[in-house]
Amino acid sequence: MYRIAVMGAYDSIFGFAALGLETFPVSAREEGEKLLKQLVSGGKYGAIYITEALASQLEELIEKYKTQLLPAIILIPGVSGNTGAGVRGVKKSVEQAVGSDILFGSEEE
């Protein structure tokens, strides 16, 4: 069975431990790159949640892993707020999968 990891600033992710998810506090870009590479290559994680703030520092590395089936890398807002990057990522993935804009005809961001 695959595990779920959560990466980001401690104050943004500590609550996920109560849900049984494995939390990995990260405070620097280099630390985040090293950790993400370890989590992806270990084969233990089916999903890795990364705060939008940390993900903005790791864009190139995350893009490299998007073509892999596992783990799914999912952006989540942190305590500093929602930048909309997570929603844009999900929208783009759905558009690629179904070939259509899922928000067509509705108000966009």
N, C-alpha and C. Protein backbone atom coordinates (compact mmCIF):
# COMPACT_ATOMS: atom_id res chain seq x y z
N MET A 1 0.84 -1.18 0.00
CA MET A 1 0.00 0.00 0.00
C MET A 1 0.89 1.24 0.00
N TYR A 2 0.49 2.20 -0.82
CA TYR A 2 1.25 3.43 -0.93
C TYR A 2 0.95 4.37 0.23
N ARG A 3 1.91 5.20 0.54
CA ARG A 3 1.77 6.21 1.59
C ARG A 3 1.50 7.57 0.94
N ILE A 4 1.14 8.53 1.79
CA ILE A 4 0.92 9.90 1.33
C ILE A 4 1.86 10.81 2.12
N ALA A 5 2.60 11.65 1.40
CA ALA A 5 3.53 12.59 2.02
C ALA A 5 3.02 14.01 1.84
N VAL A 6 3.38 14.87 2.77
CA VAL A 6 3.04 16.29 2.69
C VAL A 6 4.32 17.08 2.97
N MET A 7 4.68 17.96 2.04
CA MET A 7 5.89 18.77 2.16
C MET A 7 5.54 20.25 2.20
N GLY A 8 6.28 21.01 3.00
CA GLY A 8 6.10 22.46 3.03
C GLY A 8 6.54 23.02 4.36
N ALA A 9 6.23 24.28 4.58
CA ALA A 9 6.57 24.93 5.84
C ALA A 9 5.83 24.23 6.99
N TYR A 10 6.51 24.08 8.11
CA TYR A 10 5.95 23.34 9.24
C TYR A 10 4.55 23.81 9.61
N ASP A 11 4.36 25.12 9.74
CA ASP A 11 3.06 25.62 10.18
C ASP A 11 1.95 25.39 9.16
N SER A 12 2.31 25.07 7.93
CA SER A 12 1.31 24.77 6.90
C SER A 12 0.94 23.29 6.84
N ILE A 13 1.81 22.42 7.35
CA ILE A 13 1.59 20.99 7.15
C ILE A 13 1.40 20.17 8.43
N PHE A 14 1.68 20.74 9.60
CA PHE A 14 1.67 19.93 10.81
C PHE A 14 0.32 19.28 11.09
N GLY A 15 -0.76 19.89 10.68
CA GLY A 15 -2.10 19.33 10.92
C GLY A 15 -2.36 18.05 10.15
N PHE A 16 -1.65 17.83 9.06
CA PHE A 16 -1.85 16.63 8.25
C PHE A 16 -1.40 15.36 8.99
N ALA A 17 -0.52 15.51 9.95
CA ALA A 17 -0.06 14.34 10.72
C ALA A 17 -1.22 13.73 11.49
N ALA A 18 -2.16 14.55 11.93
CA ALA A 18 -3.32 14.04 12.65
C ALA A 18 -4.21 13.17 11.76
N LEU A 19 -4.08 13.32 10.45
CA LEU A 19 -4.85 12.51 9.50
C LEU A 19 -4.11 11.24 9.11
N GLY A 20 -2.92 11.06 9.66
CA GLY A 20 -2.14 9.87 9.36
C GLY A 20 -1.21 10.02 8.17
N LEU A 21 -1.08 11.24 7.66
CA LEU A 21 -0.17 11.47 6.54
C LEU A 21 1.22 11.75 7.09
N GLU A 22 2.23 11.42 6.31
CA GLU A 22 3.61 11.66 6.73
C GLU A 22 4.00 13.07 6.34
N THR A 23 4.42 13.86 7.30
CA THR A 23 4.75 15.25 7.05
C THR A 23 6.26 15.45 7.01
N PHE A 24 6.69 16.32 6.11
CA PHE A 24 8.09 16.62 5.94
C PHE A 24 8.28 18.13 5.88
N PRO A 25 8.57 18.75 7.02
CA PRO A 25 8.78 20.20 7.03
C PRO A 25 10.03 20.56 6.22
N VAL A 26 9.88 21.58 5.38
CA VAL A 26 10.98 22.03 4.53
C VAL A 26 11.06 23.55 4.64
N SER A 27 12.27 24.07 4.84
CA SER A 27 12.41 25.52 4.97
C SER A 27 13.27 26.14 3.88
N ALA A 28 13.97 25.32 3.09
CA ALA A 28 14.83 25.86 2.03
C ALA A 28 14.64 25.09 0.73
N ARG A 29 14.86 25.78 -0.39
CA ARG A 29 14.68 25.18 -1.71
C ARG A 29 15.56 23.94 -1.89
N GLU A 30 16.84 24.03 -1.52
CA GLU A 30 17.75 22.91 -1.69
C GLU A 30 17.28 21.69 -0.90
N GLU A 31 16.82 21.93 0.30
CA GLU A 31 16.29 20.86 1.15
C GLU A 31 15.06 20.23 0.50
N GLY A 32 14.21 21.06 -0.09
CA GLY A 32 13.01 20.58 -0.77
C GLY A 32 13.34 19.73 -1.99
N GLU A 33 14.32 20.16 -2.77
CA GLU A 33 14.72 19.39 -3.95
C GLU A 33 15.23 18.01 -3.55
N LYS A 34 16.10 17.98 -2.56
CA LYS A 34 16.67 16.71 -2.09
C LYS A 34 15.58 15.78 -1.58
N LEU A 35 14.68 16.32 -0.77
CA LEU A 35 13.60 15.51 -0.20
C LEU A 35 12.65 15.00 -1.27
N LEU A 36 12.26 15.84 -2.21
CA LEU A 36 11.34 15.42 -3.26
C LEU A 36 11.95 14.29 -4.08
N LYS A 37 13.22 14.41 -4.43
CA LYS A 37 13.90 13.35 -5.17
C LYS A 37 13.88 12.04 -4.39
N GLN A 38 14.12 12.11 -3.08
CA GLN A 38 14.10 10.91 -2.23
C GLN A 38 12.72 10.28 -2.19
N LEU A 39 11.69 11.11 -2.00
CA LEU A 39 10.33 10.59 -1.89
C LEU A 39 9.88 9.94 -3.19
N VAL A 40 10.22 10.56 -4.32
CA VAL A 40 9.81 10.03 -5.62
C VAL A 40 10.55 8.73 -5.93
N SER A 41 11.84 8.70 -5.68
CA SER A 41 12.64 7.53 -6.05
C SER A 41 12.44 6.35 -5.10
N GLY A 42 11.93 6.59 -3.91
CA GLY A 42 11.75 5.51 -2.94
C GLY A 42 10.65 4.53 -3.29
N GLY A 43 9.68 4.94 -4.10
CA GLY A 43 8.59 4.06 -4.51
C GLY A 43 7.57 3.76 -3.43
N LYS A 44 7.61 4.46 -2.31
CA LYS A 44 6.68 4.21 -1.21
C LYS A 44 5.44 5.09 -1.27
N TYR A 45 5.52 6.20 -2.02
CA TYR A 45 4.45 7.20 -1.97
C TYR A 45 3.62 7.22 -3.25
N GLY A 46 2.30 7.18 -3.07
CA GLY A 46 1.38 7.27 -4.19
C GLY A 46 0.98 8.70 -4.46
N ALA A 47 1.10 9.55 -3.45
CA ALA A 47 0.76 10.97 -3.59
C ALA A 47 1.69 11.80 -2.71
N ILE A 48 2.10 12.92 -3.25
CA ILE A 48 2.92 13.86 -2.49
C ILE A 48 2.24 15.22 -2.60
N TYR A 49 1.77 15.73 -1.47
CA TYR A 49 1.18 17.06 -1.42
C TYR A 49 2.30 18.05 -1.11
N ILE A 50 2.36 19.14 -1.87
CA ILE A 50 3.39 20.16 -1.67
C ILE A 50 2.70 21.51 -1.59
N THR A 51 3.06 22.30 -0.60
CA THR A 51 2.46 23.63 -0.50
C THR A 51 2.83 24.45 -1.72
N GLU A 52 1.93 25.32 -2.12
CA GLU A 52 2.15 26.14 -3.31
C GLU A 52 3.42 26.98 -3.19
N ALA A 53 3.71 27.47 -1.99
CA ALA A 53 4.90 28.29 -1.79
C ALA A 53 6.17 27.49 -2.07
N LEU A 54 6.24 26.28 -1.57
CA LEU A 54 7.41 25.43 -1.82
C LEU A 54 7.45 25.00 -3.29
N ALA A 55 6.30 24.65 -3.83
CA ALA A 55 6.23 24.21 -5.22
C ALA A 55 6.73 25.29 -6.18
N SER A 56 6.49 26.56 -5.86
CA SER A 56 6.96 27.64 -6.73
C SER A 56 8.48 27.67 -6.80
N GLN A 57 9.15 27.14 -5.79
CA GLN A 57 10.60 27.08 -5.77
C GLN A 57 11.13 25.81 -6.46
N LEU A 58 10.25 24.83 -6.65
CA LEU A 58 10.65 23.53 -7.19
C LEU A 58 9.99 23.24 -8.54
N GLU A 59 9.56 24.28 -9.25
CA GLU A 59 8.78 24.12 -10.49
C GLU A 59 9.44 23.19 -11.50
N GLU A 60 10.72 23.37 -11.76
CA GLU A 60 11.41 22.55 -12.77
C GLU A 60 11.43 21.08 -12.38
N LEU A 61 11.72 20.82 -11.13
CA LEU A 61 11.78 19.44 -10.65
C LEU A 61 10.40 18.78 -10.68
N ILE A 62 9.38 19.51 -10.26
CA ILE A 62 8.01 18.98 -10.27
C ILE A 62 7.59 18.69 -11.71
N GLU A 63 7.91 19.58 -12.63
CA GLU A 63 7.57 19.38 -14.04
C GLU A 63 8.21 18.09 -14.58
N LYS A 64 9.40 17.81 -14.14
CA LYS A 64 10.10 16.59 -14.56
C LYS A 64 9.33 15.34 -14.16
N TYR A 65 8.68 15.36 -13.01
CA TYR A 65 7.97 14.19 -12.50
C TYR A 65 6.53 14.09 -12.97
N LYS A 66 6.00 15.09 -13.64
CA LYS A 66 4.59 15.09 -14.04
C LYS A 66 4.24 13.98 -15.03
N THR A 67 5.21 13.50 -15.77
CA THR A 67 4.93 12.45 -16.75
C THR A 67 4.89 11.06 -16.13
N GLN A 68 5.34 10.94 -14.90
CA GLN A 68 5.31 9.66 -14.21
C GLN A 68 3.91 9.37 -13.69
N LEU A 69 3.56 8.09 -13.68
CA LEU A 69 2.25 7.70 -13.16
C LEU A 69 2.19 7.91 -11.65
N LEU A 70 3.20 7.46 -10.95
CA LEU A 70 3.27 7.63 -9.50
C LEU A 70 4.62 8.21 -9.13
N PRO A 71 4.66 9.01 -8.11
CA PRO A 71 3.55 9.50 -7.30
C PRO A 71 2.87 10.70 -7.95
N ALA A 72 1.63 10.90 -7.59
CA ALA A 72 0.92 12.11 -8.00
C ALA A 72 1.44 13.25 -7.14
N ILE A 73 1.79 14.35 -7.76
CA ILE A 73 2.27 15.52 -7.03
C ILE A 73 1.17 16.56 -7.10
N ILE A 74 0.65 16.91 -5.92
CA ILE A 74 -0.53 17.77 -5.84
C ILE A 74 -0.20 19.01 -5.01
N LEU A 75 -0.50 20.17 -5.57
CA LEU A 75 -0.23 21.43 -4.87
C LEU A 75 -1.39 21.78 -3.96
N ILE A 76 -1.04 22.25 -2.76
CA ILE A 76 -2.05 22.66 -1.79
C ILE A 76 -1.69 24.05 -1.26
N PRO A 77 -2.68 24.84 -0.85
CA PRO A 77 -2.37 26.15 -0.27
C PRO A 77 -1.71 25.98 1.09
N GLY A 78 -0.93 26.96 1.47
CA GLY A 78 -0.32 26.98 2.79
C GLY A 78 -1.04 27.98 3.68
N VAL A 79 -0.48 28.23 4.85
CA VAL A 79 -1.11 29.16 5.78
C VAL A 79 -1.08 30.60 5.26
N SER A 80 -0.16 30.88 4.33
CA SER A 80 -0.07 32.24 3.80
C SER A 80 -1.13 32.53 2.76
N GLY A 81 -1.91 31.51 2.38
CA GLY A 81 -3.00 31.74 1.45
C GLY A 81 -2.88 30.91 0.19
N ASN A 82 -3.87 31.06 -0.65
CA ASN A 82 -3.98 30.30 -1.88
C ASN A 82 -3.53 31.17 -3.05
N THR A 83 -2.55 30.68 -3.80
CA THR A 83 -2.07 31.44 -4.97
C THR A 83 -2.83 31.05 -6.23
N GLY A 84 -3.59 29.97 -6.17
CA GLY A 84 -4.32 29.50 -7.32
C GLY A 84 -3.53 28.52 -8.17
N ALA A 85 -2.28 28.27 -7.82
CA ALA A 85 -1.43 27.36 -8.61
C ALA A 85 -1.98 25.94 -8.61
N GLY A 86 -2.51 25.49 -7.49
CA GLY A 86 -3.06 24.14 -7.40
C GLY A 86 -4.27 23.97 -8.31
N VAL A 87 -5.16 24.93 -8.30
CA VAL A 87 -6.35 24.87 -9.14
C VAL A 87 -5.97 24.91 -10.62
N ARG A 88 -5.02 25.77 -10.96
CA ARG A 88 -4.56 25.84 -12.36
C ARG A 88 -3.95 24.51 -12.80
N GLY A 89 -3.20 23.86 -11.90
CA GLY A 89 -2.60 22.57 -12.23
C GLY A 89 -3.63 21.48 -12.47
N VAL A 90 -4.65 21.43 -11.62
CA VAL A 90 -5.71 20.45 -11.79
C VAL A 90 -6.47 20.73 -13.08
N LYS A 91 -6.78 21.99 -13.35
CA LYS A 91 -7.49 22.37 -14.58
C LYS A 91 -6.71 21.94 -15.81
N LYS A 92 -5.41 22.18 -15.81
CA LYS A 92 -4.57 21.81 -16.94
C LYS A 92 -4.55 20.30 -17.14
N SER A 93 -4.45 19.54 -16.05
CA SER A 93 -4.44 18.08 -16.13
C SER A 93 -5.75 17.54 -16.70
N VAL A 94 -6.86 18.11 -16.25
CA VAL A 94 -8.16 17.66 -16.75
C VAL A 94 -8.31 18.01 -18.23
N GLU A 95 -7.87 19.20 -18.62
CA GLU A 95 -7.93 19.58 -20.03
C GLU A 95 -7.13 18.62 -20.90
N GLN A 96 -5.97 18.20 -20.42
CA GLN A 96 -5.16 17.25 -21.18
C GLN A 96 -5.85 15.90 -21.26
N ALA A 97 -6.48 15.49 -20.19
CA ALA A 97 -7.12 14.18 -20.14
C ALA A 97 -8.38 14.10 -21.00
N VAL A 98 -9.21 15.15 -20.96
CA VAL A 98 -10.49 15.10 -21.68
C VAL A 98 -10.50 15.94 -22.95
N GLY A 99 -9.45 16.73 -23.15
CA GLY A 99 -9.36 17.54 -24.36
C GLY A 99 -10.27 18.73 -24.40
N SER A 100 -10.69 19.22 -23.23
CA SER A 100 -11.61 20.34 -23.18
C SER A 100 -11.40 21.16 -21.92
N ASP A 101 -11.72 22.44 -22.00
CA ASP A 101 -11.65 23.32 -20.85
C ASP A 101 -12.83 23.03 -19.93
N ILE A 102 -12.55 22.63 -18.70
CA ILE A 102 -13.62 22.26 -17.76
C ILE A 102 -14.39 23.46 -17.24
N LEU A 103 -13.83 24.65 -17.42
CA LEU A 103 -14.52 25.85 -16.94
C LEU A 103 -15.14 26.64 -18.08
N PHE A 104 -15.22 26.04 -19.26
CA PHE A 104 -15.78 26.73 -20.42
C PHE A 104 -17.21 27.19 -20.11
N GLY A 105 -17.46 28.44 -20.30
CA GLY A 105 -18.80 28.98 -20.07
C GLY A 105 -19.04 29.42 -18.65
N SER A 106 -18.06 29.23 -17.76
CA SER A 106 -18.23 29.71 -16.39
C SER A 106 -17.19 30.76 -16.11
N GLU A 107 -17.37 31.46 -15.04
CA GLU A 107 -16.44 32.53 -14.68
C GLU A 107 -15.11 31.95 -14.26
N GLU A 108 -14.03 32.41 -14.86
CA GLU A 108 -12.69 31.94 -14.50
C GLU A 108 -12.08 32.87 -13.48
N GLU A 109 -10.93 32.45 -12.96
CA GLU A 109 -10.21 33.17 -11.89
C GLU A 109 -10.07 34.63 -12.16
